[in-house]
C-alpha cells in the first residue's frame, strides 16, 4: 500500500473549542481512514456540529490540531477547502437562482472553468435524480429535493472528504433512503465521509464506525455491530404493567436492569434461553424481547432524559 494512502483522511488531536468559560469541545482525538464513512452521534449540545465546523474551516479551534489529508485547518484553510465538500444542517440555497444556477454560481468559488462547472453540474443533478428540475425555482423543491441539491453542491469540486451535518433531518423515509443511496455510491468511489446524525438507523446502515459524543467529549467509538455486542449484548427485554415479583426475578438473573417511567429494560448476559425462561415463570407478563440496537448503546451512554 502507498504510504500516503495509509495516512488518515482526517486527523484530530486534542481538538478544543471554547466560548468564554464554556468548553463546547473538550480535547477530542480521532482519525478517519481514507474511503471510510464515520458518523458522530450525540444528544443536542454534545459538540458534534462544533467539531465538524472546525474541520470544515468555519470555526477556528481554540487549541489542538485538525488535519485534512495532512493539511492543518488553521495553517492552510484555503487548501483544505479545496479538498472538502460540506453539506450544512440548513438548506442554504440561493432562492433567487434556479437549481442549475445555484450550482453554477457555487462552482465559480473554486475557480473552475464555466464549461467544466456546467458539465459537472449536469452529472451531479443526474446523480441526485434532479435532472428534470434543472431550471426549477428553489421554492418549487420538496425538502428531500433541497437536501439532494445541497449534497450535489457539496460535490461540485470533487472533494476527497465530504462532511455532512445532519444530512437527512426532517426528511420522510423515502427521501432519507435516497440520500443514503447516494452516500453509499460516493464511498464506492473512494470518497471519505464524515457525518453527524440523530438517527441510529442511519448510523447503523451507513457507517463503518461511529463516534459517540456527549458534553464535548468522545465517550466511545467503534463499528456499530461491535459496539452493540460489547455494550449491551444481543437481546433487550422491555416489560410494562409488571409487579415486584417480576422485578425480583430479573434482579436475580445475570444482566443489567433499568426502570424508566412505567417501563422496565433488562439486558441479559445470556440471551439464548431468555424467552423460554420467561414463558415458564411469567407467561402472562406483558413484554417485548428484541434484538439490541445502536440506540440502546446510545441511551446507555448518554441517558434517557430529554435535553433541549
Protein backbone atom coordinates (compact mmCIF):
# COMPACT_ATOMS: atom_id res chain seq x y z
CA UNK A 1 0.00 0.00 0.00
CA UNK A 2 1.21 3.51 -0.81
CA UNK A 3 2.40 5.20 2.41
CA UNK A 4 0.26 8.23 1.60
CA UNK A 5 -2.83 6.04 1.24
CA UNK A 6 -2.13 4.63 4.72
CA UNK A 7 -2.31 8.10 6.26
CA UNK A 8 -5.73 9.16 7.60
CA UNK A 9 -8.02 11.43 5.61
CA UNK A 10 -8.97 13.23 8.84
CA UNK A 11 -6.82 13.56 11.94
CA UNK A 12 -7.77 15.37 15.16
CA UNK A 13 -5.57 15.60 18.23
CA UNK A 14 -6.77 17.24 21.47
CA UNK A 15 -9.13 19.42 19.43
CA UNK A 16 -10.77 22.01 21.68
CA UNK A 17 -13.25 24.87 21.24
CA UNK A 18 -14.12 27.33 23.99
CA UNK A 19 -16.66 30.14 24.04
CA UNK A 20 -15.65 32.22 27.03
CA UNK A 21 -15.82 29.88 30.01
CA UNK A 22 -17.83 27.26 28.11
CA UNK A 23 -15.87 24.37 26.59
CA UNK A 24 -18.02 23.13 23.69
CA UNK A 25 -15.44 20.58 22.52
CA UNK A 26 -13.03 19.22 25.10
CA UNK A 27 -9.83 17.81 23.69
CA UNK A 28 -11.19 15.22 21.25
CA UNK A 29 -8.83 12.96 19.30
CA UNK A 30 -9.79 10.65 16.44
CA UNK A 31 -8.87 9.54 12.93
CA UNK A 32 -10.89 8.75 9.82
CA UNK A 33 -9.30 6.48 7.24
CA UNK A 34 -9.41 7.27 3.54
CA UNK A 35 -12.60 5.91 1.98
CA UNK A 36 -14.25 5.35 5.36
CA UNK A 37 -17.72 6.53 6.46
CA UNK A 38 -17.72 7.66 10.09
CA UNK A 39 -20.70 9.03 12.00
CA UNK A 40 -20.80 11.34 15.01
CA UNK A 41 -23.65 10.52 17.40
CA UNK A 42 -24.70 12.52 20.43
CA UNK A 43 -27.55 14.43 22.05
CA UNK A 44 -28.14 18.12 21.40
CA UNK A 45 -25.20 20.15 22.67
CA UNK A 46 -22.80 17.20 22.57
CA UNK A 47 -20.27 19.07 20.41
CA UNK A 48 -20.83 17.24 17.10
CA UNK A 49 -21.59 20.26 14.95
CA UNK A 50 -18.85 22.36 16.56
CA UNK A 51 -16.35 19.60 15.78
CA UNK A 52 -17.31 19.32 12.11
CA UNK A 53 -17.36 23.12 11.75
CA UNK A 54 -13.76 23.23 12.95
CA UNK A 55 -12.83 20.51 10.45
CA UNK A 56 -14.65 22.49 7.73
CA UNK A 57 -12.63 25.66 8.48
CA UNK A 58 -15.79 27.52 9.57
CA UNK A 59 -14.64 27.78 13.20
CA UNK A 60 -11.05 28.20 14.39
CA UNK A 61 -10.05 25.71 17.10
CA UNK A 62 -9.09 27.19 20.45
CA UNK A 63 -6.34 24.59 20.75
CA UNK A 64 -5.33 21.23 19.40
CA UNK A 65 -4.75 20.06 15.85
CA UNK A 66 -7.03 19.11 12.97
CA UNK A 67 -5.77 18.00 9.56
CA UNK A 68 -7.45 17.02 6.30
CA UNK A 69 -5.15 14.92 4.12
CA UNK A 70 -2.21 16.16 6.21
CA UNK A 71 -3.15 19.85 5.77
CA UNK A 72 -3.67 21.78 9.02
CA UNK A 73 -7.07 23.51 9.05
CA UNK A 74 -5.65 26.56 10.84
CA UNK A 75 -2.47 26.96 8.86
CA UNK A 76 -3.82 26.13 5.37
CA UNK A 77 -7.60 26.69 5.37
CA UNK A 78 -7.77 27.67 1.70
CA UNK A 79 -6.06 24.47 0.60
CA UNK A 80 -8.25 22.41 2.94
CA UNK A 81 -11.42 23.91 1.46
CA UNK A 82 -10.36 22.72 -1.99
CA UNK A 83 -10.27 19.15 -0.66
CA UNK A 84 -13.59 19.08 1.17
CA UNK A 85 -17.28 19.34 0.40
CA UNK A 86 -19.65 20.47 3.14
CA UNK A 87 -23.37 19.82 3.48
CA UNK A 88 -24.57 22.00 6.40
CA UNK A 89 -27.65 21.39 8.54
CA UNK A 90 -29.61 24.18 6.89
CA UNK A 91 -30.60 24.26 3.22
CA UNK A 92 -28.73 27.49 2.47
CA UNK A 93 -29.57 27.59 -1.22
CA UNK A 94 -29.98 30.91 -3.01
CA UNK A 95 -33.74 31.45 -3.57
CA UNK A 96 -33.05 33.97 -6.34
CA UNK A 97 -31.47 31.32 -8.58
CA UNK A 98 -32.96 28.20 -10.12
CA UNK A 99 -31.48 24.77 -9.41
CA UNK A 100 -28.76 24.75 -12.07
CA UNK A 101 -27.76 28.37 -11.39
CA UNK A 102 -27.20 27.54 -7.71
CA UNK A 103 -24.60 25.01 -8.80
CA UNK A 104 -23.02 27.19 -11.49
CA UNK A 105 -22.53 30.16 -9.16
CA UNK A 106 -21.13 27.97 -6.39
CA UNK A 107 -18.66 26.37 -8.80
CA UNK A 108 -17.08 29.75 -9.56
CA UNK A 109 -15.87 29.99 -5.96
CA UNK A 110 -13.38 27.23 -6.80
CA UNK A 111 -12.11 29.00 -9.91
CA UNK A 112 -13.34 26.24 -12.19
CA UNK A 113 -13.86 26.80 -15.91
CA UNK A 114 -17.51 27.53 -16.73
CA UNK A 115 -17.78 24.62 -19.13
CA UNK A 116 -16.26 22.28 -16.55
CA UNK A 117 -18.70 23.53 -13.91
CA UNK A 118 -21.69 23.10 -16.22
CA UNK A 119 -20.69 19.56 -17.20
CA UNK A 120 -20.05 18.65 -13.58
CA UNK A 121 -23.37 20.21 -12.50
CA UNK A 122 -25.28 18.17 -15.09
CA UNK A 123 -23.56 14.98 -13.89
CA UNK A 124 -24.41 15.76 -10.28
CA UNK A 125 -28.04 16.59 -10.97
CA UNK A 126 -28.30 13.16 -12.60
CA UNK A 127 -26.52 11.60 -9.61
CA UNK A 128 -29.06 13.07 -7.15
CA UNK A 129 -32.02 12.45 -9.50
CA UNK A 130 -32.79 16.13 -10.14
CA UNK A 131 -32.07 16.43 -13.87
CA UNK A 132 -35.71 17.22 -14.59
CA UNK A 133 -35.58 20.07 -12.04
CA UNK A 134 -32.54 21.84 -13.52
CA UNK A 135 -34.44 25.06 -14.24
CA UNK A 136 -36.98 24.85 -11.43
CA UNK A 137 -37.04 27.60 -8.79
CA UNK A 138 -35.77 26.58 -5.36
CA UNK A 139 -39.20 27.30 -3.87
CA UNK A 140 -40.69 24.52 -6.03
CA UNK A 141 -38.49 21.81 -4.49
CA UNK A 142 -39.57 19.49 -1.70
CA UNK A 143 -37.46 19.15 1.43
CA UNK A 144 -35.87 15.96 0.12
CA UNK A 145 -35.04 17.59 -3.20
CA UNK A 146 -33.38 20.53 -1.46
CA UNK A 147 -31.22 18.20 0.62
CA UNK A 148 -30.18 16.32 -2.52
CA UNK A 149 -29.32 19.61 -4.21
CA UNK A 150 -27.20 20.70 -1.22
CA UNK A 151 -25.42 17.35 -1.48
CA UNK A 152 -24.82 17.89 -5.20
CA UNK A 153 -23.44 21.36 -4.49
CA UNK A 154 -21.03 19.92 -1.90
CA UNK A 155 -19.68 17.55 -4.57
CA UNK A 156 -19.00 20.16 -7.27
CA UNK A 157 -15.29 20.42 -6.52
CA UNK A 158 -14.91 16.61 -6.49
CA UNK A 159 -13.90 16.57 -2.81
CA UNK A 160 -11.77 13.89 -1.26
CA UNK A 161 -13.60 14.37 2.04
CA UNK A 162 -17.34 15.01 2.36
CA UNK A 163 -18.65 16.45 5.64
CA UNK A 164 -22.40 16.08 6.23
CA UNK A 165 -24.07 17.76 9.21
CA UNK A 166 -27.45 16.11 9.88
CA UNK A 167 -27.94 15.33 6.17
CA UNK A 168 -31.44 13.80 6.47
CA UNK A 169 -33.04 15.67 9.37
CA UNK A 170 -36.73 16.31 8.73
CA UNK A 171 -36.96 14.09 5.65
CA UNK A 172 -39.51 11.35 5.11
CA UNK A 173 -38.25 7.73 4.90
CA UNK A 174 -38.18 7.66 1.09
CA UNK A 175 -36.13 10.87 0.86
CA UNK A 176 -33.81 9.66 3.61
CA UNK A 177 -33.11 6.39 1.81
CA UNK A 178 -32.45 8.30 -1.42
CA UNK A 179 -29.72 10.29 0.35
CA UNK A 180 -28.29 7.09 1.84
CA UNK A 181 -28.04 5.51 -1.60
CA UNK A 182 -26.05 8.49 -2.89
CA UNK A 183 -23.69 8.41 0.10
CA UNK A 184 -23.02 4.70 -0.44
CA UNK A 185 -22.26 5.46 -4.08
CA UNK A 186 -19.66 8.02 -3.02
CA UNK A 187 -17.90 5.52 -0.76
CA UNK A 188 -17.67 3.06 -3.64
CA UNK A 189 -15.62 5.70 -5.47
CA UNK A 190 -13.25 6.24 -2.54
CA UNK A 191 -14.69 9.42 -1.03
CA UNK A 192 -14.23 9.77 2.72
CA UNK A 193 -17.44 10.72 4.52
CA UNK A 194 -17.86 12.22 7.99
CA UNK A 195 -21.44 12.81 9.11
CA UNK A 196 -23.38 13.82 12.19
CA UNK A 197 -26.79 12.32 12.79
CA UNK A 198 -29.54 11.81 15.35
CA UNK A 199 -30.81 8.74 13.52
CA UNK A 200 -29.46 5.48 14.92
CA UNK A 201 -30.70 3.53 11.90
CA UNK A 202 -28.82 5.93 9.63
CA UNK A 203 -25.59 5.37 11.54
CA UNK A 204 -26.08 1.59 11.56
CA UNK A 205 -26.89 1.45 7.84
CA UNK A 206 -24.19 3.80 6.55
CA UNK A 207 -21.24 3.98 8.91
CA UNK A 208 -18.16 1.80 9.11
CA UNK A 209 -17.57 3.34 12.54
CA UNK A 210 -19.45 5.65 14.89
CA UNK A 211 -18.09 8.09 17.46
CA UNK A 212 -20.40 8.81 20.39
CA UNK A 213 -20.02 12.29 21.93
CA UNK A 214 -21.55 13.92 24.98
CA UNK A 215 -20.56 17.00 26.93
CA UNK A 216 -17.94 17.90 24.33
CA UNK A 217 -16.03 14.64 24.81
CA UNK A 218 -15.80 11.33 22.99
CA UNK A 219 -17.35 8.56 25.07
CA UNK A 220 -16.83 5.61 22.75
CA UNK A 221 -16.08 4.68 19.16
CA UNK A 222 -16.20 1.55 17.06
CA UNK A 223 -18.13 -0.40 14.44
CA UNK A 224 -21.90 -0.24 15.11
CA UNK A 225 -22.35 -4.01 15.41
CA UNK A 226 -19.32 -4.34 17.66
CA UNK A 227 -20.49 -1.57 19.98
CA UNK A 228 -23.92 -3.17 20.33
CA UNK A 229 -22.44 -6.57 21.17
CA UNK A 230 -19.89 -5.17 23.61
CA UNK A 231 -22.02 -2.57 25.39
CA UNK A 232 -25.48 -4.13 25.66
CA UNK A 233 -25.30 -7.67 24.30
CA UNK A 234 -27.60 -9.28 21.77
CA UNK A 235 -31.01 -9.06 23.45
CA UNK A 236 -33.17 -6.49 25.24
CA UNK A 237 -36.28 -7.28 27.26
CA UNK A 238 -38.85 -4.49 27.60
CA UNK A 239 -41.70 -5.01 30.08
CA UNK A 240 -44.69 -2.98 31.30
CA UNK A 241 -47.52 -3.47 33.80
CA UNK A 242 -45.11 -5.51 35.90
CA UNK A 243 -45.11 -6.32 39.61
CA UNK A 244 -42.50 -6.59 42.35
CA UNK A 245 -42.16 -10.35 41.86
CA UNK A 246 -41.10 -9.84 38.25
CA UNK A 247 -38.53 -7.21 39.25
CA UNK A 248 -37.07 -9.51 41.92
CA UNK A 249 -36.93 -12.32 39.38
CA UNK A 250 -34.93 -10.17 36.94
CA UNK A 251 -32.58 -8.86 39.62
CA UNK A 252 -31.61 -12.46 40.39
CA UNK A 253 -30.56 -13.04 36.76
CA UNK A 254 -27.13 -12.05 35.40
CA UNK A 255 -27.58 -8.84 33.45
CA UNK A 256 -28.36 -5.13 33.75
CA UNK A 257 -31.76 -3.79 34.80
CA UNK A 258 -33.21 -0.29 34.27
CA UNK A 259 -36.57 1.09 35.36
CA UNK A 260 -37.57 4.15 33.32
CA UNK A 261 -41.02 5.59 33.98
CA UNK A 262 -43.55 2.79 33.61
CA UNK A 263 -41.17 0.62 31.55
CA UNK A 264 -38.51 -1.84 32.55
CA UNK A 265 -35.46 -2.68 30.44
CA UNK A 266 -33.39 -5.80 31.05
CA UNK A 267 -30.14 -6.60 29.24
CA UNK A 268 -29.36 -10.28 29.92
CA UNK A 269 -25.79 -11.55 29.87
CA UNK A 270 -27.02 -14.83 28.39
CA UNK A 271 -29.84 -14.45 25.88
CA UNK A 272 -30.18 -17.95 24.41
CA UNK A 273 -32.94 -19.16 26.76
CA UNK A 274 -34.49 -15.88 27.92
CA UNK A 275 -37.83 -16.25 26.18
CA UNK A 276 -38.33 -19.84 27.33
CA UNK A 277 -37.44 -18.87 30.90
CA UNK A 278 -40.00 -16.05 30.89
CA UNK A 279 -42.66 -18.32 29.39
CA UNK A 280 -42.11 -20.76 32.24
CA UNK A 281 -42.03 -18.29 35.14
CA UNK A 282 -44.14 -15.32 33.99
CA UNK A 283 -46.22 -16.42 30.98
CA UNK A 284 -48.78 -13.60 31.43
CA UNK A 285 -46.24 -10.79 31.77
CA UNK A 286 -46.57 -8.11 29.06
CA UNK A 287 -43.18 -7.89 27.42
CA UNK A 288 -41.19 -7.48 24.22
CA UNK A 289 -38.00 -9.42 23.59
CA UNK A 290 -35.99 -7.90 20.75
CA UNK A 291 -32.51 -7.62 19.30
CA UNK A 292 -30.33 -4.92 20.82
CA UNK A 293 -29.63 -1.90 18.60
CA UNK A 294 -27.28 1.05 18.38
CA UNK A 295 -30.00 3.15 20.02
CA UNK A 296 -29.65 1.01 23.16
CA UNK A 297 -25.93 1.78 23.21
CA UNK A 298 -26.62 5.49 22.72
CA UNK A 299 -29.13 5.62 25.57
CA UNK A 300 -26.85 3.66 27.87
CA UNK A 301 -24.01 6.13 27.30
CA UNK A 302 -25.93 9.41 27.22
CA UNK A 303 -29.01 8.70 29.36
CA UNK A 304 -32.72 8.67 28.61
CA UNK A 305 -33.57 12.13 29.95
CA UNK A 306 -34.81 14.65 27.37
CA UNK A 307 -32.49 17.57 26.58
CA UNK A 308 -33.08 20.94 24.96
